[in-house]
């Protein structure tokens, strides 16, 4: 099977796995006669079953004024949930008289995870019109709809890491597309997460090539770096003379390739590492991942396990010939 077909199959499988949970029916919470503001009758709660990744939360309700002059835009709700806390503005517009309908949608928890558990809603007003701590309005009825989220697009393979030559690594751009817009310094560069197995061998890299972010001209001197103390990732930096290194969502992420000789210890740890993983930018060690952008994925060829088996086969043949 070709790498393109293999990773297409993986991508389809991942989407099917995601959709098997994300297709759960929307869940609903309904509240009646709950005050907007005040401190006594303004809190309600419901428990969600979950089993899906939460997308948007929609609402539709009827709000009746209590304090003349209250604004629709002042009506809000403070939500406490298993996915965190958020304040959402429920109404809109200026002063109103009598009962008016309000509806809307929020992505405050979109993609945050499974919503299963207790959700608490504290209905409030952003401004206390009477300055008396009392409710300014009352929700005669309000419905909340919890929708399943839309699956994120699968990351594309943007780099191939070739470890077929002992004590050598070649990184080649695939033409895969960047997942995001990103800009940063090539003095930090991009980071292949988890490519090394356990160990603390120094990299001892020498070599280069024209590997660069596709939006930038190569300076033909990309450098490899591994963080101290056995960082599990591999960093490529100093690959362009442009003021900044940039990536454009939906456009080719990288171009060119580079080949480096590395220490035997680092090479052994490379063979013990992941066969695929994420490429982050800007990042040069694992500590940077939290603030970096996910550009795409890398794959290692041939898979280190296959390479090890090939080596074992060669050894067996040599032993037989010696006999």
Protein backbone atom coordinates (compact mmCIF):
# COMPACT_ATOMS: atom_id res chain seq x y z
CA UNK A 1 0.00 0.00 0.00
CA UNK A 2 1.30 3.47 -0.85
CA UNK A 3 1.86 6.03 1.91
CA UNK A 4 -0.77 8.29 0.35
CA UNK A 5 -3.36 5.48 0.36
CA UNK A 6 -2.33 4.33 3.81
CA UNK A 7 -2.75 7.76 5.38
CA UNK A 8 -5.97 8.37 3.46
CA UNK A 9 -7.31 5.20 5.06
CA UNK A 10 -6.18 6.37 8.48
CA UNK A 11 -7.84 9.74 7.92
CA UNK A 12 -11.15 8.14 6.89
CA UNK A 13 -10.99 5.78 9.88
CA UNK A 14 -10.41 8.71 12.24
CA UNK A 15 -13.37 10.61 10.81
CA UNK A 16 -15.62 7.55 11.11
CA UNK A 17 -14.54 7.06 14.73
CA UNK A 18 -15.25 10.72 15.47
CA UNK A 19 -18.63 10.71 13.75
CA UNK A 20 -19.79 7.61 15.61
CA UNK A 21 -19.96 9.72 18.76
CA UNK A 22 -20.53 13.15 17.23
CA UNK A 23 -23.82 12.08 15.62
CA UNK A 24 -25.56 11.85 19.00
CA UNK A 25 -28.86 13.72 19.05
CA UNK A 26 -28.81 17.24 20.54
CA UNK A 27 -29.61 17.45 24.24
CA UNK A 28 -31.97 19.99 25.75
CA UNK A 29 -32.42 21.87 29.01
CA UNK A 30 -35.65 23.76 29.69
CA UNK A 31 -36.25 26.24 32.52
CA UNK A 32 -39.39 28.17 33.47
CA UNK A 33 -40.04 31.13 35.77
CA UNK A 34 -36.37 31.80 36.47
CA UNK A 35 -35.39 35.35 37.40
CA UNK A 36 -32.81 37.38 35.50
CA UNK A 37 -30.78 38.98 38.28
CA UNK A 38 -31.42 38.87 41.98
CA UNK A 39 -30.03 36.26 44.32
CA UNK A 40 -32.79 33.78 45.16
CA UNK A 41 -34.70 32.41 42.15
CA UNK A 42 -32.14 32.97 39.42
CA UNK A 43 -30.28 29.63 39.35
CA UNK A 44 -31.20 26.38 37.63
CA UNK A 45 -29.36 23.25 36.58
CA UNK A 46 -29.62 20.15 34.42
CA UNK A 47 -27.54 17.01 33.80
CA UNK A 48 -26.38 16.07 30.32
CA UNK A 49 -25.78 12.49 29.22
CA UNK A 50 -23.03 13.45 26.75
CA UNK A 51 -21.22 10.88 24.67
CA UNK A 52 -20.20 13.42 22.00
CA UNK A 53 -17.94 16.45 21.57
CA UNK A 54 -19.90 19.60 22.28
CA UNK A 55 -20.35 22.18 19.53
CA UNK A 56 -22.61 25.21 19.80
CA UNK A 57 -25.20 25.98 22.48
CA UNK A 58 -28.43 27.54 21.18
CA UNK A 59 -31.17 29.19 23.21
CA UNK A 60 -34.73 30.40 22.67
CA UNK A 61 -36.78 32.06 25.38
CA UNK A 62 -39.34 34.64 26.51
CA UNK A 63 -38.18 37.40 28.85
CA UNK A 64 -40.61 39.61 30.78
CA UNK A 65 -39.59 42.92 32.31
CA UNK A 66 -39.86 43.47 36.04
CA UNK A 67 -37.90 46.70 36.38
CA UNK A 68 -39.00 49.22 33.76
CA UNK A 69 -36.09 50.42 31.70
CA UNK A 70 -34.08 47.22 31.79
CA UNK A 71 -32.25 46.51 28.53
CA UNK A 72 -32.48 43.26 26.62
CA UNK A 73 -28.70 43.36 26.14
CA UNK A 74 -28.24 43.20 29.92
CA UNK A 75 -29.70 39.69 30.20
CA UNK A 76 -26.94 37.12 30.59
CA UNK A 77 -26.19 33.73 32.10
CA UNK A 78 -23.17 32.51 34.04
CA UNK A 79 -22.60 28.84 33.22
CA UNK A 80 -20.66 26.42 35.40
CA UNK A 81 -20.03 23.09 33.67
CA UNK A 82 -17.72 20.06 33.44
CA UNK A 83 -16.06 21.86 30.50
CA UNK A 84 -15.37 25.07 32.41
CA UNK A 85 -17.15 28.34 33.07
CA UNK A 86 -18.47 31.05 30.74
CA UNK A 87 -20.74 34.09 30.71
CA UNK A 88 -23.06 34.35 27.71
CA UNK A 89 -25.17 37.35 26.72
CA UNK A 90 -28.70 36.06 26.07
CA UNK A 91 -30.57 39.19 25.02
CA UNK A 92 -30.02 42.18 22.76
CA UNK A 93 -31.21 45.70 22.19
CA UNK A 94 -32.22 48.48 24.58
CA UNK A 95 -35.25 48.94 26.84
CA UNK A 96 -38.36 46.85 26.27
CA UNK A 97 -41.89 46.64 27.62
CA UNK A 98 -43.80 43.48 28.48
CA UNK A 99 -42.57 40.12 27.17
CA UNK A 100 -40.15 39.74 24.28
CA UNK A 101 -38.53 36.70 22.60
CA UNK A 102 -34.77 36.29 22.52
CA UNK A 103 -32.72 33.60 20.80
CA UNK A 104 -29.11 33.07 19.88
CA UNK A 105 -26.14 30.74 19.70
CA UNK A 106 -22.75 30.56 21.42
CA UNK A 107 -19.51 28.69 20.70
CA UNK A 108 -18.14 29.30 24.19
CA UNK A 109 -17.62 25.55 24.70
CA UNK A 110 -17.24 24.49 21.07
CA UNK A 111 -14.78 21.60 20.81
CA UNK A 112 -14.05 21.66 24.55
CA UNK A 113 -14.97 17.99 25.03
CA UNK A 114 -17.76 15.72 26.22
CA UNK A 115 -20.46 17.76 28.06
CA UNK A 116 -21.61 14.87 30.26
CA UNK A 117 -22.39 15.98 33.82
CA UNK A 118 -24.06 18.77 35.79
CA UNK A 119 -24.54 22.18 34.16
CA UNK A 120 -25.53 25.12 36.38
CA UNK A 121 -27.06 28.33 34.97
CA UNK A 122 -27.06 31.54 37.00
CA UNK A 123 -29.26 34.06 35.19
CA UNK A 124 -28.08 37.60 35.76
CA UNK A 125 -28.13 41.20 34.52
CA UNK A 126 -24.93 43.00 33.51
CA UNK A 127 -26.43 46.16 35.07
CA UNK A 128 -28.71 46.32 38.11
CA UNK A 129 -31.28 48.90 37.01
CA UNK A 130 -32.85 49.30 40.41
CA UNK A 131 -29.55 49.15 42.30
CA UNK A 132 -31.42 46.98 44.77
CA UNK A 133 -30.02 43.52 44.10
CA UNK A 134 -33.43 42.39 42.88
CA UNK A 135 -34.33 40.77 39.58
CA UNK A 136 -34.81 43.13 36.61
CA UNK A 137 -36.67 40.56 34.48
CA UNK A 138 -37.88 36.98 34.49
CA UNK A 139 -37.49 34.22 31.95
CA UNK A 140 -41.00 32.81 31.55
CA UNK A 141 -39.50 30.00 29.54
CA UNK A 142 -36.05 29.34 28.04
CA UNK A 143 -34.70 26.34 26.16
CA UNK A 144 -31.02 25.49 25.70
CA UNK A 145 -29.95 23.12 22.92
CA UNK A 146 -26.57 21.38 23.12
CA UNK A 147 -25.35 20.45 19.65
CA UNK A 148 -22.66 17.96 18.67
CA UNK A 149 -19.60 19.65 17.19
CA UNK A 150 -18.30 19.44 13.65
CA UNK A 151 -15.19 17.22 13.40
CA UNK A 152 -11.96 19.12 12.74
CA UNK A 153 -10.34 18.44 9.37
CA UNK A 154 -7.67 15.73 9.58
CA UNK A 155 -4.10 16.97 9.60
CA UNK A 156 -2.14 16.39 6.41
CA UNK A 157 1.25 14.71 6.24
CA UNK A 158 3.62 17.60 5.55
CA UNK A 159 7.03 15.99 6.17
CA UNK A 160 8.57 12.57 5.52
CA UNK A 161 11.49 11.51 7.74
CA UNK A 162 13.72 8.91 6.09
CA UNK A 163 15.87 6.84 8.48
CA UNK A 164 16.86 4.09 6.02
CA UNK A 165 20.57 5.00 6.14
CA UNK A 166 22.35 4.28 9.44
CA UNK A 167 23.32 7.38 11.44
CA UNK A 168 21.56 9.61 8.94
CA UNK A 169 18.20 11.37 8.73
CA UNK A 170 16.58 12.97 5.68
CA UNK A 171 13.52 15.21 6.03
CA UNK A 172 11.53 15.91 2.87
CA UNK A 173 8.50 18.12 2.26
CA UNK A 174 5.46 16.29 0.88
CA UNK A 175 3.46 19.17 -0.56
CA UNK A 176 0.88 18.63 2.19
CA UNK A 177 -1.18 21.65 3.20
CA UNK A 178 -0.80 23.66 6.40
CA UNK A 179 -3.68 23.35 8.87
CA UNK A 180 -3.43 26.97 10.06
CA UNK A 181 -2.12 30.44 9.40
CA UNK A 182 1.03 30.98 11.44
CA UNK A 183 3.96 33.37 11.62
CA UNK A 184 7.12 33.30 13.71
CA UNK A 185 10.87 33.28 13.69
CA UNK A 186 12.96 30.62 11.98
CA UNK A 187 15.40 31.05 14.86
CA UNK A 188 12.85 28.99 16.79
CA UNK A 189 11.73 26.92 13.83
CA UNK A 190 9.41 23.91 13.70
CA UNK A 191 9.27 20.83 15.90
CA UNK A 192 8.56 17.14 15.20
CA UNK A 193 6.99 15.92 18.41
CA UNK A 194 7.78 12.48 19.85
CA UNK A 195 10.12 11.33 17.10
CA UNK A 196 12.81 10.13 19.56
CA UNK A 197 12.46 7.17 21.87
CA UNK A 198 13.89 7.11 25.42
CA UNK A 199 17.44 8.32 25.83
CA UNK A 200 19.58 11.42 26.20
CA UNK A 201 22.08 11.09 23.36
CA UNK A 202 23.37 14.32 21.89
CA UNK A 203 22.37 14.88 18.28
CA UNK A 204 25.80 15.72 16.82
CA UNK A 205 24.14 16.73 13.55
CA UNK A 206 25.96 17.97 10.47
CA UNK A 207 24.57 18.53 7.01
CA UNK A 208 21.80 20.64 5.48
CA UNK A 209 19.73 21.21 2.37
CA UNK A 210 16.98 23.50 1.11
CA UNK A 211 14.17 22.48 3.51
CA UNK A 212 12.08 25.53 4.42
CA UNK A 213 8.55 26.76 5.04
CA UNK A 214 6.95 26.93 1.58
CA UNK A 215 6.15 30.66 1.89
CA UNK A 216 9.83 31.46 2.37
CA UNK A 217 13.03 31.18 0.34
CA UNK A 218 15.54 28.69 1.69
CA UNK A 219 18.93 29.95 2.87
CA UNK A 220 20.25 26.41 2.19
CA UNK A 221 21.43 25.99 5.77
CA UNK A 222 18.69 24.37 7.89
CA UNK A 223 19.97 23.21 11.27
CA UNK A 224 18.81 20.32 13.49
CA UNK A 225 18.46 20.71 17.25
CA UNK A 226 17.43 18.43 20.10
CA UNK A 227 16.57 19.89 23.51
CA UNK A 228 18.82 19.10 26.43
CA UNK A 229 18.07 16.19 28.74
CA UNK A 230 16.68 13.91 26.04
CA UNK A 231 13.84 15.97 24.62
CA UNK A 232 11.59 13.61 22.63
CA UNK A 233 11.24 15.93 19.63
CA UNK A 234 13.41 17.11 16.75
CA UNK A 235 13.69 20.79 15.86
CA UNK A 236 14.60 22.35 12.50
CA UNK A 237 15.59 26.01 12.54
CA UNK A 238 17.63 28.67 10.68
CA UNK A 239 16.27 27.75 7.25
CA UNK A 240 15.44 31.15 5.74
CA UNK A 241 16.83 34.69 5.61
CA UNK A 242 13.32 36.18 5.44
CA UNK A 243 12.28 38.35 8.41
CA UNK A 244 9.73 35.76 9.50
CA UNK A 245 8.69 32.23 8.65
CA UNK A 246 5.02 31.95 7.67
CA UNK A 247 2.41 29.30 6.94
CA UNK A 248 -0.95 29.77 5.21
CA UNK A 249 -3.94 27.57 6.02
CA UNK A 250 -4.80 25.40 3.02
CA UNK A 251 -1.52 26.16 1.23
CA UNK A 252 1.61 23.99 0.91
CA UNK A 253 3.36 23.90 4.28
CA UNK A 254 6.98 23.05 3.41
CA UNK A 255 9.26 22.73 0.41
CA UNK A 256 12.66 21.14 -0.21
CA UNK A 257 14.56 18.59 1.84
CA UNK A 258 17.58 18.22 4.07
CA UNK A 259 19.97 15.41 5.01
CA UNK A 260 22.04 15.26 8.18
CA UNK A 261 24.48 12.82 9.74
CA UNK A 262 23.69 12.24 13.42
CA UNK A 263 25.34 10.36 16.28
CA UNK A 264 24.85 6.60 16.56
CA UNK A 265 23.16 7.06 19.93
CA UNK A 266 20.68 9.61 18.58
CA UNK A 267 20.01 7.40 15.56
CA UNK A 268 19.21 4.42 17.81
CA UNK A 269 16.81 6.57 19.81
CA UNK A 270 15.25 7.78 16.57
CA UNK A 271 14.54 4.18 15.60
CA UNK A 272 12.86 3.67 18.98
CA UNK A 273 10.61 6.73 18.55
CA UNK A 274 7.21 7.33 16.98
CA UNK A 275 6.49 6.38 13.37
CA UNK A 276 4.29 9.46 12.99
CA UNK A 277 3.43 12.57 14.94
CA UNK A 278 2.61 16.27 14.91
CA UNK A 279 4.63 19.15 13.49
CA UNK A 280 4.40 22.36 15.56
CA UNK A 281 5.50 25.93 14.83
CA UNK A 282 7.06 27.97 16.31
CA UNK A 283 8.61 25.48 18.72
CA UNK A 284 12.03 24.02 19.43
CA UNK A 285 11.32 21.87 22.51
CA UNK A 286 8.29 20.13 24.01
CA UNK A 287 7.80 23.07 26.40
CA UNK A 288 6.76 25.23 23.44
CA UNK A 289 3.92 23.02 22.21
CA UNK A 290 1.21 24.62 24.36
CA UNK A 291 1.72 27.98 22.66
CA UNK A 292 2.53 26.69 19.17
CA UNK A 293 0.44 26.00 16.06
CA UNK A 294 -0.21 22.50 14.74
CA UNK A 295 0.93 22.69 11.12
CA UNK A 296 0.41 19.04 10.14
CA UNK A 297 1.95 15.60 10.63
CA UNK A 298 5.18 13.78 9.84
CA UNK A 299 5.74 10.11 9.03
CA UNK A 300 8.91 8.04 9.40
CA UNK A 301 10.02 5.73 6.56
CA UNK A 302 10.73 2.93 6.66
CA UNK A 303 9.01 2.29 9.97
CA UNK A 304 11.76 1.69 12.56
CA UNK A 305 10.30 -1.72 13.42
CA UNK A 306 10.58 -2.78 9.76
CA UNK A 307 14.13 -1.49 9.66
CA UNK A 308 15.01 -3.46 12.78
CA UNK A 309 13.51 -6.62 11.31
CA UNK A 310 15.43 -6.05 8.10
CA UNK A 311 18.64 -5.77 10.11
CA UNK A 312 17.85 -9.00 11.93
CA UNK A 313 17.27 -10.73 8.59
CA UNK A 314 20.63 -9.59 7.26
CA UNK A 315 22.33 -10.83 10.45
CA UNK A 316 20.70 -14.26 10.13
CA UNK A 317 21.84 -14.57 6.49
CA UNK A 318 25.41 -13.65 7.48
CA UNK A 319 25.41 -16.24 10.27
CA UNK A 320 24.17 -18.94 7.90
CA UNK A 321 26.80 -18.08 5.32
CA UNK A 322 29.55 -18.25 7.94
CA UNK A 323 28.39 -21.71 8.87
